[in-house]
Amino acid sequence: MPRLKSERSYWLGLSAAYGVALALLTMTDLPWPGSLAIFAALIVFIVVQGLLYGQFDKAVLYEVDPRKGTAGALLTFFPLGTYLLRGSEIALWAGPLYGLIASAGSYAILKKYGYFYRPAVPATEPESTK
């Protein structure tokens, strides 16, 4: 299976899935098993997205930049808004808006602080001229 290589589309896919998950959690007042199902679907999407883009390679473990860990820390603040809005009277219209804001914000954070692994391209030898 060919690996996708665009860093921009990788971050857009992850941000869109994150925004949709937060919007669904905000709009629906599900008990914890329902919330867990939405979270599980998000995790499955992240794993599939990572496999398609080649982000789960052994070499990734050796090339991770420790300064890029800021993205995970910043993205943990978005679910706080979800739980503040959840179950309120404005949740039905604020949920999609909050999901859009979370998606745009997470894209900006991932674009700046996220880590995208690009495998090294082996050098090719020039063909000898005859």
Foldseek 3Di string as FASTA:
>chain_A
DDADADPLVLLLQLLLLQLVLLLVLQQDPDPPVVNVVSVVVSVVSNVVSCVRNVVPDPVNVVPDDVQLPVLVVVLVVLSVVSVVRHPDPCSNVVSNVSSVVSSVVSSVSCVVRNDRDDDDDDDDDDDDDD
